[in-house]
Amino acid sequence: MKNVAGARIREARKNRLMTQVELATKLQNRSVNLESGSICRIEAGTRLVTDFELMVFSKVLDVPVEWLLGMQN
């Protein structure tokens, strides 16, 4: 199965005109210690996202977890 979360995270971030550095800062404010390099790897599909990280991405990017997982359009 393809890792769709990274592409969806990138799409949501870009729709909000947010840089990877800005996203990293917002995640760090919610106790997820990711640097912009890690976000780059997640978006490229070379780093998996933990369930906790996915929940925080969902909150920060204001999208449902199901959408990040490709279960919603």
Protein backbone atom coordinates (compact mmCIF):
# COMPACT_ATOMS: atom_id res chain seq x y z
CA MET A 1 0.00 0.00 0.00
CA LYS A 2 1.24 3.46 -0.88
CA ASN A 3 2.08 6.00 1.84
CA VAL A 4 -0.40 8.78 1.05
CA ALA A 5 -0.06 10.82 4.24
CA GLY A 6 3.09 12.63 3.11
CA ALA A 7 1.55 13.89 -0.12
CA ARG A 8 -1.60 14.95 1.72
CA ILE A 9 0.44 16.77 4.38
CA ARG A 10 2.31 18.64 1.63
CA GLU A 11 -0.97 19.51 -0.12
CA ALA A 12 -2.59 20.82 3.07
CA ARG A 13 0.54 22.78 4.03
CA LYS A 14 0.80 24.42 0.61
CA ASN A 15 -2.94 25.22 0.59
CA ARG A 16 -2.31 27.19 3.79
CA LEU A 17 0.73 28.94 2.25
CA MET A 18 2.85 27.51 5.07
CA THR A 19 6.54 26.67 4.80
CA GLN A 20 8.01 23.48 6.21
CA VAL A 21 9.78 25.59 8.86
CA GLU A 22 6.49 27.21 9.88
CA LEU A 23 4.80 23.81 10.06
CA ALA A 24 7.67 22.44 12.16
CA THR A 25 7.28 25.35 14.59
CA LYS A 26 3.53 24.74 14.93
CA LEU A 27 4.12 21.03 15.52
CA GLN A 28 6.81 21.77 18.13
CA ASN A 29 4.33 24.03 19.94
CA ARG A 30 2.14 20.93 20.27
CA SER A 31 4.93 18.67 21.61
CA VAL A 32 5.88 17.04 18.30
CA ASN A 33 9.61 17.59 17.91
CA LEU A 34 10.07 17.57 14.12
CA GLU A 35 12.48 19.71 12.15
CA SER A 36 11.81 20.92 8.63
CA GLY A 37 14.12 18.17 7.29
CA SER A 38 11.89 15.51 8.83
CA ILE A 39 8.83 17.15 7.30
CA CYS A 40 10.60 17.12 3.94
CA ARG A 41 11.20 13.37 4.27
CA ILE A 42 7.60 12.76 5.36
CA GLU A 43 6.30 14.70 2.36
CA ALA A 44 8.67 12.77 0.06
CA GLY A 45 7.41 9.48 1.49
CA THR A 46 10.79 8.38 2.86
CA ARG A 47 9.81 8.77 6.52
CA LEU A 48 6.67 7.29 8.03
CA VAL A 49 4.39 9.25 10.33
CA THR A 50 3.48 7.93 13.77
CA ASP A 51 -0.14 7.87 14.86
CA PHE A 52 0.46 10.66 17.40
CA GLU A 53 2.21 12.81 14.78
CA LEU A 54 -0.64 12.20 12.35
CA MET A 55 -3.18 13.44 14.89
CA VAL A 56 -1.17 16.62 15.49
CA PHE A 57 -0.65 17.21 11.75
CA SER A 58 -4.43 16.93 11.43
CA LYS A 59 -5.03 19.56 14.11
CA VAL A 60 -2.32 21.97 12.93
CA LEU A 61 -3.37 21.73 9.27
CA ASP A 62 -7.11 21.69 10.15
CA VAL A 63 -7.91 18.59 8.12
CA PRO A 64 -9.40 15.25 9.21
CA VAL A 65 -7.03 12.37 9.92
CA GLU A 66 -9.09 10.33 7.46
CA TRP A 67 -8.26 12.84 4.71
CA LEU A 68 -4.54 12.63 5.52
CA LEU A 69 -4.82 8.85 5.17
CA GLY A 70 -6.54 9.14 1.79
CA MET A 71 -9.86 7.83 3.07
CA GLN A 72 -11.72 11.05 2.16
CA ASN A 73 -11.59 13.32 -0.87
